[in-house]
Amino acid sequence: MNTDIDLSTLLGPDTPGIRLIEVSTLSGSATIDGTSDAMGNATDAALFQGLRKWGDVVVVGTGTVKAEDYEGSSPGAARIAVMSYSLDLNVESKLFQVGTPPLILTPDENVGTAAAQRLESAGATVLSTGDGSIESVVTALRARGWTRIVCEGGPGVYSAFIAAGMVDKLYLTLDPHLTPSVAQPLVYAGDEETAQAPALSLELENVAADADGTVFLRYAHHGCP
């Protein structure tokens, strides 16, 4: 097993696209004790930050932002973009108070509401995503010139991207913990249409393993529109 994994090898080709990054226990859980803090290692953290530097924008769901206590964007890193229908975000949290406040991705019906104005007053940029579908989210981001899109979850957001077929690369870190249950699945389909969407067939591009047993997988999907 490698003890010195090259980050550029993990990241792969420097091309635009939509990249999902996930971490999982050997049992298939995305969390241990409610968060991913105990999972991964220094190499995984470097991969995470490397993707943020590669990306123009990081798409993440409201639940993940709250559970993982996200901060705003760091200088030179991708803009944090939070998918939110409820707009129920704490403007006193680190998301607004540390770094650059986020971009808020929300359906057109929410733009201009009191809830949206509250977030804008705290420094956020509220961006209409039309009907709120992943296709509309990606269209809105690309209209701003952001063609390097990183998705950091959570389960519902991952499912939506997968169901829409909008995955160019998947980075999956296998953490060597074996949990007795799956506290949080990697994906969760929030509606029947998403649940019934066809599976995507991916091709393995790279495998690397650290001395501590953490395994890094990179897959590519060549059918993304």
C-alpha atoms as a PDB file:
ATOM      1  CA  MET A   1       0.000   0.000   0.000  1.00  0.00           C
ATOM      2  CA  ASN A   2       1.127   3.552  -0.701  1.00  0.00           C
ATOM      3  CA  THR A   3       2.284   5.778   2.116  1.00  0.00           C
ATOM      4  CA  ASP A   4       2.767   8.844  -0.077  1.00  0.00           C
ATOM      5  CA  ILE A   5      -0.109   9.231  -2.526  1.00  0.00           C
ATOM      6  CA  ASP A   6       0.252  11.922  -5.178  1.00  0.00           C
ATOM      7  CA  LEU A   7      -2.700  14.321  -4.987  1.00  0.00           C
ATOM      8  CA  SER A   8      -2.674  15.066  -8.707  1.00  0.00           C
ATOM      9  CA  THR A   9      -3.076  11.343  -9.389  1.00  0.00           C
ATOM     10  CA  LEU A  10      -6.095  11.210  -7.093  1.00  0.00           C
ATOM     11  CA  LEU A  11      -7.666  14.272  -8.720  1.00  0.00           C
ATOM     12  CA  GLY A  12      -7.126  13.083 -12.279  1.00  0.00           C
ATOM     13  CA  PRO A  13      -7.424  15.151 -15.477  1.00  0.00           C
ATOM     14  CA  ASP A  14      -7.870  18.907 -15.092  1.00  0.00           C
ATOM     15  CA  THR A  15     -11.039  19.124 -17.166  1.00  0.00           C
ATOM     16  CA  PRO A  16     -14.401  20.830 -16.512  1.00  0.00           C
ATOM     17  CA  GLY A  17     -17.360  18.791 -15.367  1.00  0.00           C
ATOM     18  CA  ILE A  18     -19.480  17.712 -12.419  1.00  0.00           C
ATOM     19  CA  ARG A  19     -17.639  15.838  -9.683  1.00  0.00           C
ATOM     20  CA  LEU A  20     -19.186  14.113  -6.672  1.00  0.00           C
ATOM     21  CA  ILE A  21     -17.068  13.365  -3.595  1.00  0.00           C
ATOM     22  CA  GLU A  22     -18.245  10.878  -0.971  1.00  0.00           C
ATOM     23  CA  VAL A  23     -16.769   9.093   2.040  1.00  0.00           C
ATOM     24  CA  SER A  24     -18.148   5.820   3.358  1.00  0.00           C
ATOM     25  CA  THR A  25     -17.429   3.282   6.065  1.00  0.00           C
ATOM     26  CA  LEU A  26     -16.915  -0.302   4.947  1.00  0.00           C
ATOM     27  CA  SER A  27     -20.526  -0.885   6.004  1.00  0.00           C
ATOM     28  CA  GLY A  28     -21.805   1.834   3.671  1.00  0.00           C
ATOM     29  CA  SER A  29     -22.520   4.583   6.203  1.00  0.00           C
ATOM     30  CA  ALA A  30     -21.737   8.209   5.368  1.00  0.00           C
ATOM     31  CA  THR A  31     -21.406   9.161   9.035  1.00  0.00           C
ATOM     32  CA  ILE A  32     -20.133   7.940  12.396  1.00  0.00           C
ATOM     33  CA  ASP A  33     -21.891   9.457  15.410  1.00  0.00           C
ATOM     34  CA  GLY A  34     -23.782  11.882  13.192  1.00  0.00           C
ATOM     35  CA  THR A  35     -20.950  13.442  11.168  1.00  0.00           C
ATOM     36  CA  SER A  36     -18.072  12.474   8.889  1.00  0.00           C
ATOM     37  CA  ASP A  37     -15.487  13.971  11.281  1.00  0.00           C
ATOM     38  CA  ALA A  38     -14.147  10.580  12.392  1.00  0.00           C
ATOM     39  CA  MET A  39     -13.809   9.338   8.818  1.00  0.00           C
ATOM     40  CA  GLY A  40     -11.064   9.710   6.243  1.00  0.00           C
ATOM     41  CA  ASN A  41      -7.481  10.805   6.903  1.00  0.00           C
ATOM     42  CA  ALA A  42      -5.012  13.525   5.926  1.00  0.00           C
ATOM     43  CA  THR A  43      -4.956  12.330   2.313  1.00  0.00           C
ATOM     44  CA  ASP A  44      -8.747  12.445   2.168  1.00  0.00           C
ATOM     45  CA  ALA A  45      -8.686  15.990   3.568  1.00  0.00           C
ATOM     46  CA  ALA A  46      -6.138  16.982   0.913  1.00  0.00           C
ATOM     47  CA  LEU A  47      -8.340  15.473  -1.809  1.00  0.00           C
ATOM     48  CA  PHE A  48     -11.340  17.355  -0.441  1.00  0.00           C
ATOM     49  CA  GLN A  49      -9.453  20.658  -0.518  1.00  0.00           C
ATOM     50  CA  GLY A  50      -7.920  19.827  -3.895  1.00  0.00           C
ATOM     51  CA  LEU A  51     -11.365  19.446  -5.428  1.00  0.00           C
ATOM     52  CA  ARG A  52     -12.430  22.755  -3.914  1.00  0.00           C
ATOM     53  CA  LYS A  53      -9.425  24.442  -5.513  1.00  0.00           C
ATOM     54  CA  TRP A  54     -10.216  22.737  -8.833  1.00  0.00           C
ATOM     55  CA  GLY A  55     -13.865  23.754  -8.725  1.00  0.00           C
ATOM     56  CA  ASP A  56     -15.652  26.978  -9.509  1.00  0.00           C
ATOM     57  CA  VAL A  57     -18.486  26.177  -7.130  1.00  0.00           C
ATOM     58  CA  VAL A  58     -19.320  23.606  -4.425  1.00  0.00           C
ATOM     59  CA  VAL A  59     -22.954  22.471  -4.284  1.00  0.00           C
ATOM     60  CA  VAL A  60     -24.149  21.182  -0.920  1.00  0.00           C
ATOM     61  CA  GLY A  61     -27.483  20.633   0.783  1.00  0.00           C
ATOM     62  CA  THR A  62     -28.848  22.505   3.780  1.00  0.00           C
ATOM     63  CA  GLY A  63     -28.777  19.442   6.035  1.00  0.00           C
ATOM     64  CA  THR A  64     -25.100  18.777   5.360  1.00  0.00           C
ATOM     65  CA  VAL A  65     -24.195  22.425   5.885  1.00  0.00           C
ATOM     66  CA  LYS A  66     -25.838  22.331   9.305  1.00  0.00           C
ATOM     67  CA  ALA A  67     -24.582  18.895  10.386  1.00  0.00           C
ATOM     68  CA  GLU A  68     -20.981  19.557   9.343  1.00  0.00           C
ATOM     69  CA  ASP A  69     -20.990  23.223  10.480  1.00  0.00           C
ATOM     70  CA  TYR A  70     -19.760  24.576   7.142  1.00  0.00           C
ATOM     71  CA  GLU A  71     -17.808  27.792   6.834  1.00  0.00           C
ATOM     72  CA  GLY A  72     -18.056  30.228   3.945  1.00  0.00           C
ATOM     73  CA  SER A  73     -15.667  30.066   1.008  1.00  0.00           C
ATOM     74  CA  SER A  74     -11.934  30.447   1.584  1.00  0.00           C
ATOM     75  CA  PRO A  75      -9.805  32.741  -0.618  1.00  0.00           C
ATOM     76  CA  GLY A  76      -8.884  30.991  -3.859  1.00  0.00           C
ATOM     77  CA  ALA A  77     -11.352  28.154  -3.290  1.00  0.00           C
ATOM     78  CA  ALA A  78     -14.674  27.416  -4.954  1.00  0.00           C
ATOM     79  CA  ARG A  79     -17.773  29.358  -3.910  1.00  0.00           C
ATOM     80  CA  ILE A  80     -20.045  27.472  -1.502  1.00  0.00           C
ATOM     81  CA  ALA A  81     -23.537  27.113  -2.994  1.00  0.00           C
ATOM     82  CA  VAL A  82     -26.267  25.802  -0.700  1.00  0.00           C
ATOM     83  CA  MET A  83     -29.347  24.167  -2.187  1.00  0.00           C
ATOM     84  CA  SER A  84     -32.280  25.261  -0.049  1.00  0.00           C
ATOM     85  CA  TYR A  85     -36.030  25.405  -0.503  1.00  0.00           C
ATOM     86  CA  SER A  86     -36.901  26.469   3.043  1.00  0.00           C
ATOM     87  CA  LEU A  87     -34.125  29.115   3.262  1.00  0.00           C
ATOM     88  CA  ASP A  88     -33.930  28.135   6.938  1.00  0.00           C
ATOM     89  CA  LEU A  89     -30.288  28.997   7.544  1.00  0.00           C
ATOM     90  CA  ASN A  90     -28.703  30.589  10.610  1.00  0.00           C
ATOM     91  CA  VAL A  91     -27.006  33.834   9.584  1.00  0.00           C
ATOM     92  CA  GLU A  92     -24.968  33.720  12.806  1.00  0.00           C
ATOM     93  CA  SER A  93     -23.370  30.406  11.784  1.00  0.00           C
ATOM     94  CA  LYS A  94     -19.845  30.043  10.396  1.00  0.00           C
ATOM     95  CA  LEU A  95     -21.344  29.720   6.925  1.00  0.00           C
ATOM     96  CA  PHE A  96     -22.038  33.453   7.043  1.00  0.00           C
ATOM     97  CA  GLN A  97     -19.496  34.622   9.615  1.00  0.00           C
ATOM     98  CA  VAL A  98     -16.291  32.923   8.394  1.00  0.00           C
ATOM     99  CA  GLY A  99     -15.047  33.477   4.842  1.00  0.00           C
ATOM    100  CA  THR A 100     -17.230  34.576   1.935  1.00  0.00           C
ATOM    101  CA  PRO A 101     -20.978  34.139   2.594  1.00  0.00           C
ATOM    102  CA  PRO A 102     -22.651  31.496   0.437  1.00  0.00           C
ATOM    103  CA  LEU A 103     -24.583  31.444  -2.762  1.00  0.00           C
ATOM    104  CA  ILE A 104     -28.123  30.205  -2.089  1.00  0.00           C
ATOM    105  CA  LEU A 105     -29.684  28.026  -4.794  1.00  0.00           C
ATOM    106  CA  THR A 106     -33.459  28.118  -4.511  1.00  0.00           C
ATOM    107  CA  PRO A 107     -36.491  27.789  -6.816  1.00  0.00           C
ATOM    108  CA  ASP A 108     -37.704  30.962  -8.497  1.00  0.00           C
ATOM    109  CA  GLU A 109     -40.786  31.178  -6.269  1.00  0.00           C
ATOM    110  CA  ASN A 110     -38.562  31.873  -3.235  1.00  0.00           C
ATOM    111  CA  VAL A 111     -36.543  34.707  -4.748  1.00  0.00           C
ATOM    112  CA  GLY A 112     -37.474  38.089  -3.298  1.00  0.00           C
ATOM    113  CA  THR A 113     -39.298  36.659  -0.273  1.00  0.00           C
ATOM    114  CA  ALA A 114     -38.646  37.915   3.239  1.00  0.00           C
ATOM    115  CA  ALA A 115     -36.624  34.771   3.959  1.00  0.00           C
ATOM    116  CA  ALA A 116     -34.442  35.388   0.903  1.00  0.00           C
ATOM    117  CA  GLN A 117     -33.956  39.041   1.799  1.00  0.00           C
ATOM    118  CA  ARG A 118     -32.845  38.041   5.308  1.00  0.00           C
ATOM    119  CA  LEU A 119     -30.058  35.899   3.860  1.00  0.00           C
ATOM    120  CA  GLU A 120     -29.068  38.587   1.366  1.00  0.00           C
ATOM    121  CA  SER A 121     -28.802  41.097   4.204  1.00  0.00           C
ATOM    122  CA  ALA A 122     -26.284  38.736   5.817  1.00  0.00           C
ATOM    123  CA  GLY A 123     -24.135  38.759   2.668  1.00  0.00           C
ATOM    124  CA  ALA A 124     -25.498  35.770   0.758  1.00  0.00           C
ATOM    125  CA  THR A 125     -26.314  35.833  -2.946  1.00  0.00           C
ATOM    126  CA  VAL A 126     -29.696  34.260  -3.711  1.00  0.00           C
ATOM    127  CA  LEU A 127     -29.803  32.659  -7.151  1.00  0.00           C
ATOM    128  CA  SER A 128     -32.963  31.413  -8.836  1.00  0.00           C
ATOM    129  CA  THR A 129     -32.790  27.816 -10.026  1.00  0.00           C
ATOM    130  CA  GLY A 130     -36.068  27.934 -11.931  1.00  0.00           C
ATOM    131  CA  ASP A 131     -38.143  24.900 -11.026  1.00  0.00           C
ATOM    132  CA  GLY A 132     -35.480  23.717  -8.571  1.00  0.00           C
ATOM    133  CA  SER A 133     -34.500  20.607 -10.524  1.00  0.00           C
ATOM    134  CA  ILE A 134     -30.859  19.573 -10.740  1.00  0.00           C
ATOM    135  CA  GLU A 135     -30.930  20.314 -14.466  1.00  0.00           C
ATOM    136  CA  SER A 136     -32.036  23.877 -13.656  1.00  0.00           C
ATOM    137  CA  VAL A 137     -29.435  24.188 -10.893  1.00  0.00           C
ATOM    138  CA  VAL A 138     -26.633  23.195 -13.262  1.00  0.00           C
ATOM    139  CA  THR A 139     -27.975  25.493 -15.992  1.00  0.00           C
ATOM    140  CA  ALA A 140     -28.019  28.436 -13.566  1.00  0.00           C
ATOM    141  CA  LEU A 141     -24.439  27.751 -12.455  1.00  0.00           C
ATOM    142  CA  ARG A 142     -23.140  27.343 -15.993  1.00  0.00           C
ATOM    143  CA  ALA A 143     -24.844  30.595 -16.983  1.00  0.00           C
ATOM    144  CA  ARG A 144     -22.452  32.265 -14.537  1.00  0.00           C
ATOM    145  CA  GLY A 145     -19.498  30.635 -16.240  1.00  0.00           C
ATOM    146  CA  TRP A 146     -19.059  27.976 -13.559  1.00  0.00           C
ATOM    147  CA  THR A 147     -18.294  24.789 -15.455  1.00  0.00           C
ATOM    148  CA  ARG A 148     -16.337  23.033 -12.686  1.00  0.00           C
ATOM    149  CA  ILE A 149     -18.991  21.880 -10.240  1.00  0.00           C
ATOM    150  CA  VAL A 150     -18.227  19.900  -7.076  1.00  0.00           C
ATOM    151  CA  CYS A 151     -21.054  18.184  -5.192  1.00  0.00           C
ATOM    152  CA  GLU A 152     -20.421  17.444  -1.500  1.00  0.00           C
ATOM    153  CA  GLY A 153     -23.849  15.986  -0.676  1.00  0.00           C
ATOM    154  CA  GLY A 154     -25.700  15.096   1.398  1.00  0.00           C
ATOM    155  CA  PRO A 155     -27.624  11.959   0.499  1.00  0.00           C
ATOM    156  CA  GLY A 156     -30.608  13.725  -1.074  1.00  0.00           C
ATOM    157  CA  VAL A 157     -28.427  16.004  -3.185  1.00  0.00           C
ATOM    158  CA  TYR A 158     -26.282  13.089  -4.350  1.00  0.00           C
ATOM    159  CA  SER A 159     -29.426  11.185  -5.346  1.00  0.00           C
ATOM    160  CA  ALA A 160     -30.762  14.132  -7.315  1.00  0.00           C
ATOM    161  CA  PHE A 161     -27.528  14.510  -9.307  1.00  0.00           C
ATOM    162  CA  ILE A 162     -27.374  10.765  -9.975  1.00  0.00           C
ATOM    163  CA  ALA A 163     -31.037  10.563 -11.018  1.00  0.00           C
ATOM    164  CA  ALA A 164     -30.473  13.445 -13.446  1.00  0.00           C
ATOM    165  CA  GLY A 165     -27.449  11.646 -14.915  1.00  0.00           C
ATOM    166  CA  MET A 166     -25.314  14.654 -14.065  1.00  0.00           C
ATOM    167  CA  VAL A 167     -22.144  12.983 -12.842  1.00  0.00           C
ATOM    168  CA  ASP A 168     -18.838  13.139 -14.699  1.00  0.00           C
ATOM    169  CA  LYS A 169     -16.618  11.796 -11.927  1.00  0.00           C
ATOM    170  CA  LEU A 170     -17.167  10.152  -8.557  1.00  0.00           C
ATOM    171  CA  TYR A 171     -14.531  10.266  -5.827  1.00  0.00           C
ATOM    172  CA  LEU A 172     -15.313   7.626  -3.220  1.00  0.00           C
ATOM    173  CA  THR A 173     -13.170   7.298  -0.109  1.00  0.00           C
ATOM    174  CA  LEU A 174     -13.572   4.006   1.749  1.00  0.00           C
ATOM    175  CA  ASP A 175     -12.830   4.535   5.423  1.00  0.00           C
ATOM    176  CA  PRO A 176     -11.602   1.388   7.245  1.00  0.00           C
ATOM    177  CA  HIS A 177     -14.247   1.579   9.987  1.00  0.00           C
ATOM    178  CA  LEU A 178     -16.782  -1.251  10.019  1.00  0.00           C
ATOM    179  CA  THR A 179     -19.951   0.117  11.594  1.00  0.00           C
ATOM    180  CA  PRO A 180     -22.659  -2.197  12.967  1.00  0.00           C
ATOM    181  CA  SER A 181     -25.342  -0.190  11.176  1.00  0.00           C
ATOM    182  CA  VAL A 182     -25.749   2.351   8.394  1.00  0.00           C
ATOM    183  CA  ALA A 183     -26.526   5.489  10.367  1.00  0.00           C
ATOM    184  CA  GLN A 184     -26.638   7.636   7.234  1.00  0.00           C
ATOM    185  CA  PRO A 185     -26.791   6.113   3.738  1.00  0.00           C
ATOM    186  CA  LEU A 186     -24.712   7.654   0.973  1.00  0.00           C
ATOM    187  CA  VAL A 187     -27.836   8.386  -1.072  1.00  0.00           C
ATOM    188  CA  TYR A 188     -31.475   9.045  -0.288  1.00  0.00           C
ATOM    189  CA  ALA A 189     -34.198   9.481  -2.898  1.00  0.00           C
ATOM    190  CA  GLY A 190     -36.671  12.051  -1.643  1.00  0.00           C
ATOM    191  CA  ASP A 191     -39.394  11.248  -4.165  1.00  0.00           C
ATOM    192  CA  GLU A 192     -40.628   8.382  -6.322  1.00  0.00           C
ATOM    193  CA  GLU A 193     -39.308   9.835  -9.579  1.00  0.00           C
ATOM    194  CA  THR A 194     -35.784  10.035  -8.169  1.00  0.00           C
ATOM    195  CA  ALA A 195     -36.053   6.561  -6.672  1.00  0.00           C
ATOM    196  CA  GLN A 196     -37.108   5.077 -10.025  1.00  0.00           C
ATOM    197  CA  ALA A 197     -34.365   6.748 -12.086  1.00  0.00           C
ATOM    198  CA  PRO A 198     -31.992   4.312 -13.807  1.00  0.00           C
ATOM    199  CA  ALA A 199     -28.633   3.455 -12.270  1.00  0.00           C
ATOM    200  CA  LEU A 200     -25.515   4.955 -13.839  1.00  0.00           C
ATOM    201  CA  SER A 201     -22.749   2.698 -15.102  1.00  0.00           C
ATOM    202  CA  LEU A 202     -19.329   4.060 -14.131  1.00  0.00           C
ATOM    203  CA  GLU A 203     -15.809   3.133 -15.199  1.00  0.00           C
ATOM    204  CA  LEU A 204     -12.989   2.795 -12.662  1.00  0.00           C
ATOM    205  CA  GLU A 205     -10.209   5.295 -13.398  1.00  0.00           C
ATOM    206  CA  ASN A 206      -7.944   5.082 -10.360  1.00  0.00           C
ATOM    207  CA  VAL A 207      -7.397   3.142  -7.130  1.00  0.00           C
ATOM    208  CA  ALA A 208      -5.019   4.113  -4.338  1.00  0.00           C
ATOM    209  CA  ALA A 209      -4.642   2.899  -0.763  1.00  0.00           C
ATOM    210  CA  ASP A 210      -2.989   4.503   2.251  1.00  0.00           C
ATOM    211  CA  ALA A 211      -1.038   2.552   4.847  1.00  0.00           C
ATOM    212  CA  ASP A 212      -3.899   2.981   7.339  1.00  0.00           C
ATOM    213  CA  GLY A 213      -6.286   1.069   5.071  1.00  0.00           C
ATOM    214  CA  THR A 214      -8.128   4.067   3.611  1.00  0.00           C
ATOM    215  CA  VAL A 215      -8.895   3.423  -0.056  1.00  0.00           C
ATOM    216  CA  PHE A 216      -9.470   6.087  -2.711  1.00  0.00           C
ATOM    217  CA  LEU A 217     -11.538   5.264  -5.787  1.00  0.00           C
ATOM    218  CA  ARG A 218     -12.145   7.504  -8.785  1.00  0.00           C
ATOM    219  CA  TYR A 219     -14.834   6.590 -11.299  1.00  0.00           C
ATOM    220  CA  ALA A 220     -15.897   8.273 -14.536  1.00  0.00           C
ATOM    221  CA  HIS A 221     -19.295   8.429 -16.198  1.00  0.00           C
ATOM    222  CA  HIS A 222     -19.122   9.146 -19.894  1.00  0.00           C
ATOM    223  CA  GLY A 223     -22.836   9.482 -20.515  1.00  0.00           C
ATOM    224  CA  CYS A 224     -23.400  12.767 -18.676  1.00  0.00           C
ATOM    225  CA  PRO A 225     -25.218  15.363 -20.787  1.00  0.00           C
END
